C-alpha atoms as a PDB file:
ATOM      1  CA  ASP A   1      21.163  -0.744   4.365  1.00  0.00           C
ATOM      2  CA  SER A   2      18.020  -0.440   2.243  1.00  0.00           C
ATOM      3  CA  ILE A   3      20.018  -0.270  -0.971  1.00  0.00           C
ATOM      4  CA  ILE A   4      22.303  -3.122   0.031  1.00  0.00           C
ATOM      5  CA  ASN A   5      19.333  -5.288   1.008  1.00  0.00           C
ATOM      6  CA  SER A   6      17.655  -4.522  -2.325  1.00  0.00           C
ATOM      7  CA  ILE A   7      20.580  -5.549  -4.513  1.00  0.00           C
ATOM      8  CA  GLU A   8      20.040  -9.301  -4.361  1.00  0.00           C
ATOM      9  CA  PRO A   9      16.289  -9.193  -5.175  1.00  0.00           C
ATOM     10  CA  MET A  10      17.008  -6.827  -8.088  1.00  0.00           C
ATOM     11  CA  LEU A  11      19.695  -9.164  -9.443  1.00  0.00           C
ATOM     12  CA  HIS A  12      17.235 -12.045  -9.272  1.00  0.00           C
ATOM     13  CA  LEU A  13      14.500  -9.975 -10.958  1.00  0.00           C
ATOM     14  CA  SER A  14      16.870  -8.939 -13.729  1.00  0.00           C
ATOM     15  CA  LYS A  15      18.137 -12.451 -14.339  1.00  0.00           C
ATOM     16  CA  ALA A  16      14.736 -14.146 -14.106  1.00  0.00           C
ATOM     17  CA  THR A  17      13.124 -11.769 -16.616  1.00  0.00           C
ATOM     18  CA  GLY A  18      16.102 -11.171 -18.912  1.00  0.00           C
ATOM     19  CA  THR A  19      15.928  -7.452 -18.221  1.00  0.00           C
ATOM     20  CA  GLU A  20      18.856  -5.105 -17.729  1.00  0.00           C
ATOM     21  CA  LEU A  21      19.556  -4.593 -14.027  1.00  0.00           C
ATOM     22  CA  ALA A  22      19.040  -0.824 -14.160  1.00  0.00           C
ATOM     23  CA  GLU A  23      15.608  -1.165 -15.779  1.00  0.00           C
ATOM     24  CA  ALA A  24      14.521  -3.925 -13.396  1.00  0.00           C
ATOM     25  CA  ALA A  25      15.585  -1.843 -10.399  1.00  0.00           C
ATOM     26  CA  GLU A  26      13.833   1.239 -11.740  1.00  0.00           C
ATOM     27  CA  ILE A  27      10.542  -0.617 -12.277  1.00  0.00           C
ATOM     28  CA  ALA A  28      10.654  -2.231  -8.840  1.00  0.00           C
ATOM     29  CA  GLY A  29      11.792   0.947  -7.093  1.00  0.00           C
ATOM     30  CA  ASN A  30       9.200   3.159  -8.734  1.00  0.00           C
ATOM     31  CA  ASN A  31       6.373   0.811  -7.787  1.00  0.00           C
ATOM     32  CA  MET A  32       7.680   0.412  -4.269  1.00  0.00           C
ATOM     33  CA  VAL A  33       7.183   4.162  -3.880  1.00  0.00           C
ATOM     34  CA  VAL A  34       3.848   4.347  -5.752  1.00  0.00           C
ATOM     35  CA  PHE A  35       2.323   1.570  -3.632  1.00  0.00           C
ATOM     36  CA  GLY A  36       3.786   2.871  -0.372  1.00  0.00           C
ATOM     37  CA  MET A  37       5.987  -0.144   0.272  1.00  0.00           C
ATOM     38  CA  GLN A  38       9.377  -0.214   1.941  1.00  0.00           C
ATOM     39  CA  ALA A  39      12.796  -1.408   0.782  1.00  0.00           C
ATOM     40  CA  THR A  40      12.299  -4.376   3.105  1.00  0.00           C
ATOM     41  CA  ASP A  41       9.478  -5.429   0.739  1.00  0.00           C
ATOM     42  CA  MET A  42      11.812  -5.571  -2.272  1.00  0.00           C
ATOM     43  CA  THR A  43      12.048  -9.379  -2.324  1.00  0.00           C
ATOM     44  CA  SER A  44       8.252  -9.629  -2.448  1.00  0.00           C
ATOM     45  CA  ILE A  45       8.050  -6.893  -5.094  1.00  0.00           C
ATOM     46  CA  ALA A  46      10.661  -8.663  -7.232  1.00  0.00           C
ATOM     47  CA  ASP A  47       8.895 -12.020  -6.832  1.00  0.00           C
ATOM     48  CA  LEU A  48       5.516 -10.575  -7.861  1.00  0.00           C
ATOM     49  CA  LEU A  49       6.992  -8.774 -10.866  1.00  0.00           C
ATOM     50  CA  THR A  50       8.862 -11.916 -11.937  1.00  0.00           C
ATOM     51  CA  ALA A  51       5.804 -14.126 -11.578  1.00  0.00           C
ATOM     52  CA  THR A  52       3.636 -11.706 -13.546  1.00  0.00           C
ATOM     53  CA  ALA A  53       6.150 -11.058 -16.324  1.00  0.00           C
ATOM     54  CA  ASN A  54       7.081 -14.709 -16.728  1.00  0.00           C
ATOM     55  CA  GLY A  55       3.567 -16.060 -16.171  1.00  0.00           C
ATOM     56  CA  SER A  56       1.897 -13.939 -18.822  1.00  0.00           C
ATOM     57  CA  ALA A  57       2.457 -12.804 -22.387  1.00  0.00           C
ATOM     58  CA  GLN A  58       4.613  -9.791 -21.580  1.00  0.00           C
ATOM     59  CA  THR A  59       8.080  -8.699 -20.650  1.00  0.00           C
ATOM     60  CA  LEU A  60       9.096  -6.864 -17.509  1.00  0.00           C
ATOM     61  CA  HIS A  61       9.519  -3.795 -19.714  1.00  0.00           C
ATOM     62  CA  ASP A  62       5.864  -4.110 -20.869  1.00  0.00           C
ATOM     63  CA  LEU A  63       4.786  -4.508 -17.268  1.00  0.00           C
ATOM     64  CA  GLY A  64       6.768  -1.444 -16.218  1.00  0.00           C
ATOM     65  CA  GLU A  65       5.092   0.637 -18.925  1.00  0.00           C
ATOM     66  CA  ALA A  66       1.650  -0.564 -17.825  1.00  0.00           C
ATOM     67  CA  LEU A  67       2.391   0.179 -14.179  1.00  0.00           C
ATOM     68  CA  LYS A  68       3.423   3.762 -14.963  1.00  0.00           C
ATOM     69  CA  THR A  69      -0.117   4.518 -16.068  1.00  0.00           C
ATOM     70  CA  ALA A  70      -2.180   2.145 -13.960  1.00  0.00           C
ATOM     71  CA  GLY A  71      -0.241   2.266 -10.677  1.00  0.00           C
ATOM     72  CA  PRO A  72      -1.214   5.717  -9.418  1.00  0.00           C
ATOM     73  CA  ARG A  73      -4.876   5.260 -10.389  1.00  0.00           C
ATOM     74  CA  ALA A  74      -4.901   1.815  -8.721  1.00  0.00           C
ATOM     75  CA  VAL A  75      -3.622   3.306  -5.477  1.00  0.00           C
ATOM     76  CA  THR A  76      -6.339   5.962  -5.613  1.00  0.00           C
ATOM     77  CA  ALA A  77      -8.924   3.222  -6.242  1.00  0.00           C
ATOM     78  CA  GLY A  78      -7.628   1.187  -3.293  1.00  0.00           C
ATOM     79  CA  VAL A  79      -6.254  -1.625  -5.445  1.00  0.00           C
ATOM     80  CA  GLY A  80      -3.116  -3.320  -4.191  1.00  0.00           C
ATOM     81  CA  PHE A  81       0.044  -4.108  -6.117  1.00  0.00           C
ATOM     82  CA  GLN A  82      -0.642  -7.844  -6.350  1.00  0.00           C
ATOM     83  CA  ASP A  83      -4.223  -7.375  -7.582  1.00  0.00           C
ATOM     84  CA  LEU A  84      -3.118  -4.843 -10.191  1.00  0.00           C
ATOM     85  CA  LEU A  85      -0.426  -7.219 -11.428  1.00  0.00           C
ATOM     86  CA  ALA A  86      -3.044  -9.970 -11.775  1.00  0.00           C
ATOM     87  CA  GLN A  87      -5.221  -7.672 -13.887  1.00  0.00           C
ATOM     88  CA  LEU A  88      -2.280  -6.657 -16.079  1.00  0.00           C
ATOM     89  CA  GLY A  89      -1.278 -10.293 -16.504  1.00  0.00           C
ATOM     90  CA  LEU A  90      -4.764 -11.205 -17.699  1.00  0.00           C
ATOM     91  CA  LEU A  91      -4.809  -8.336 -20.168  1.00  0.00           C
ATOM     92  CA  ALA A  92      -1.387  -9.356 -21.486  1.00  0.00           C
ATOM     93  CA  ASN A  93      -2.684 -12.829 -22.164  1.00  0.00           C
ATOM     94  CA  MET A  94      -5.401 -11.195 -24.277  1.00  0.00           C
ATOM     95  CA  GLY A  95      -2.776  -9.280 -26.268  1.00  0.00           C
ATOM     96  CA  ILE A  96      -3.115  -5.988 -24.400  1.00  0.00           C
ATOM     97  CA  ARG A  97       0.296  -5.110 -22.957  1.00  0.00           C
ATOM     98  CA  GLY A  98       2.456  -2.218 -21.926  1.00  0.00           C
ATOM     99  CA  GLU A  99       1.125   1.305 -21.913  1.00  0.00           C
ATOM    100  CA  GLN A 100      -2.066   0.172 -23.656  1.00  0.00           C
ATOM    101  CA  ALA A 101      -2.837  -2.205 -20.757  1.00  0.00           C
ATOM    102  CA  GLY A 102      -2.056   0.481 -18.195  1.00  0.00           C
ATOM    103  CA  THR A 103      -4.372   2.908 -19.934  1.00  0.00           C
ATOM    104  CA  ALA A 104      -7.137   0.296 -20.172  1.00  0.00           C
ATOM    105  CA  ILE A 105      -6.940  -0.522 -16.461  1.00  0.00           C
ATOM    106  CA  SER A 106      -6.665   3.123 -15.483  1.00  0.00           C
ATOM    107  CA  ARG A 107      -9.690   3.951 -17.613  1.00  0.00           C
ATOM    108  CA  SER A 108     -11.600   1.021 -16.098  1.00  0.00           C
ATOM    109  CA  PHE A 109     -11.133   2.420 -12.598  1.00  0.00           C
ATOM    110  CA  GLN A 110     -12.483   5.739 -13.832  1.00  0.00           C
ATOM    111  CA  GLN A 111     -15.454   4.125 -15.551  1.00  0.00           C
ATOM    112  CA  MET A 112     -16.400   1.919 -12.585  1.00  0.00           C
ATOM    113  CA  ALA A 113     -16.440   5.009 -10.355  1.00  0.00           C
ATOM    114  CA  ASP A 114     -18.637   6.970 -12.782  1.00  0.00           C
ATOM    115  CA  PRO A 115     -22.202   7.322 -11.427  1.00  0.00           C
ATOM    116  CA  GLY A 116     -23.709   6.890 -14.901  1.00  0.00           C
ATOM    117  CA  VAL A 117     -21.824   3.646 -15.501  1.00  0.00           C
ATOM    118  CA  GLN A 118     -22.708   2.451 -12.016  1.00  0.00           C
ATOM    119  CA  LYS A 119     -26.404   3.107 -12.667  1.00  0.00           C
ATOM    120  CA  TYR A 120     -26.293   1.397 -16.073  1.00  0.00           C
ATOM    121  CA  LEU A 121     -24.618  -1.716 -14.650  1.00  0.00           C
ATOM    122  CA  GLN A 122     -26.990  -1.882 -11.685  1.00  0.00           C
ATOM    123  CA  ASP A 123     -30.185  -1.252 -13.668  1.00  0.00           C
ATOM    124  CA  THR A 124     -29.285  -3.396 -16.678  1.00  0.00           C
ATOM    125  CA  PHE A 125     -27.329  -6.301 -15.202  1.00  0.00           C
ATOM    126  CA  GLY A 126     -27.681  -6.030 -11.425  1.00  0.00           C
ATOM    127  CA  ILE A 127     -23.926  -5.458 -11.079  1.00  0.00           C
ATOM    128  CA  MET A 128     -22.642  -3.237  -8.290  1.00  0.00           C
ATOM    129  CA  THR A 129     -19.237  -1.641  -8.793  1.00  0.00           C
ATOM    130  CA  THR A 130     -18.957  -0.403  -5.216  1.00  0.00           C
ATOM    131  CA  ASP A 131     -19.426  -1.964  -1.809  1.00  0.00           C
ATOM    132  CA  THR A 132     -21.767  -0.630   0.878  1.00  0.00           C
ATOM    133  CA  SER A 133     -19.078   1.865   1.967  1.00  0.00           C
ATOM    134  CA  GLY A 134     -18.781   3.341  -1.519  1.00  0.00           C
ATOM    135  CA  ASN A 135     -15.412   1.737  -2.278  1.00  0.00           C
ATOM    136  CA  LEU A 136     -14.781   0.072  -5.618  1.00  0.00           C
ATOM    137  CA  ARG A 137     -15.170  -3.679  -5.492  1.00  0.00           C
ATOM    138  CA  ASN A 138     -12.442  -5.982  -6.748  1.00  0.00           C
ATOM    139  CA  MET A 139     -12.032  -5.186 -10.442  1.00  0.00           C
ATOM    140  CA  LEU A 140     -11.507  -8.822 -11.448  1.00  0.00           C
ATOM    141  CA  ASP A 141     -14.843  -9.674  -9.830  1.00  0.00           C
ATOM    142  CA  ILE A 142     -16.550  -6.817 -11.662  1.00  0.00           C
ATOM    143  CA  PHE A 143     -14.971  -7.820 -14.992  1.00  0.00           C
ATOM    144  CA  THR A 144     -16.053 -11.427 -14.486  1.00  0.00           C
ATOM    145  CA  GLU A 145     -19.621 -10.368 -13.742  1.00  0.00           C
ATOM    146  CA  VAL A 146     -19.710  -8.050 -16.751  1.00  0.00           C
ATOM    147  CA  GLY A 147     -18.320 -10.784 -18.981  1.00  0.00           C
ATOM    148  CA  ARG A 148     -20.956 -13.251 -17.838  1.00  0.00           C
ATOM    149  CA  ALA A 149     -23.721 -10.660 -18.176  1.00  0.00           C
ATOM    150  CA  VAL A 150     -22.914  -9.726 -21.776  1.00  0.00           C
ATOM    151  CA  GLU A 151     -21.876 -13.119 -23.169  1.00  0.00           C
ATOM    152  CA  GLY A 152     -25.442 -14.134 -23.980  1.00  0.00           C
ATOM    153  CA  LEU A 153     -26.335 -10.885 -25.709  1.00  0.00           C
ATOM    154  CA  PRO A 154     -26.529 -10.651 -29.495  1.00  0.00           C
ATOM    155  CA  THR A 155     -23.225  -9.318 -30.815  1.00  0.00           C
ATOM    156  CA  ALA A 156     -24.503  -5.836 -31.669  1.00  0.00           C
ATOM    157  CA  GLU A 157     -25.995  -5.415 -28.182  1.00  0.00           C
ATOM    158  CA  ARG A 158     -22.829  -6.825 -26.599  1.00  0.00           C
ATOM    159  CA  VAL A 159     -20.659  -4.267 -28.421  1.00  0.00           C
ATOM    160  CA  GLN A 160     -22.951  -1.425 -27.362  1.00  0.00           C
ATOM    161  CA  ALA A 161     -22.990  -2.610 -23.735  1.00  0.00           C
ATOM    162  CA  ILE A 162     -19.191  -2.810 -23.621  1.00  0.00           C
ATOM    163  CA  ILE A 163     -18.922   0.705 -25.067  1.00  0.00           C
ATOM    164  CA  LYS A 164     -21.400   2.032 -22.468  1.00  0.00           C
ATOM    165  CA  ILE A 165     -19.446   0.347 -19.683  1.00  0.00           C
ATOM    166  CA  PHE A 166     -15.846   0.859 -20.730  1.00  0.00           C
ATOM    167  CA  ASP A 167     -16.031   3.785 -23.154  1.00  0.00           C
ATOM    168  CA  ILE A 168     -15.181   3.591 -26.836  1.00  0.00           C
ATOM    169  CA  ARG A 169     -11.510   2.866 -26.024  1.00  0.00           C
ATOM    170  CA  GLY A 170     -12.571   0.009 -23.741  1.00  0.00           C
END
């Protein structure tokens, strides 16, 4: 029943993104498992993947590659599927797609959880990366705050701040 009920959403995902059916099903199925969703969620999964792939500068293939790297780390960080897709869509629109985007997001989770980075952001810009329970805050909110905090800095200081926050690869 699960497979039969998943066929129609996978056909729609494949057609809407111009992706081969097998690849579309693999991307959706893998992320269903990674994010602890059920086959009954496949229509929602397909809709979110379609909206992200078609609403940003990437293909479903690019998105699948990004999710391979970022998905497991996002789950560990408590970030949901929809929020991760939003982050990957924004990166794609900045020219960072596929595995490179997945690595950047995955690395960002790691950096925002690092006590040294947390202290630097708090002491320098007044930005908290965690809530009062010690959980990471919404990454898009953190990124927005960091962007606003560094935009007025001279370029050399801005580059150094970004390296301190996101690492040299950031």
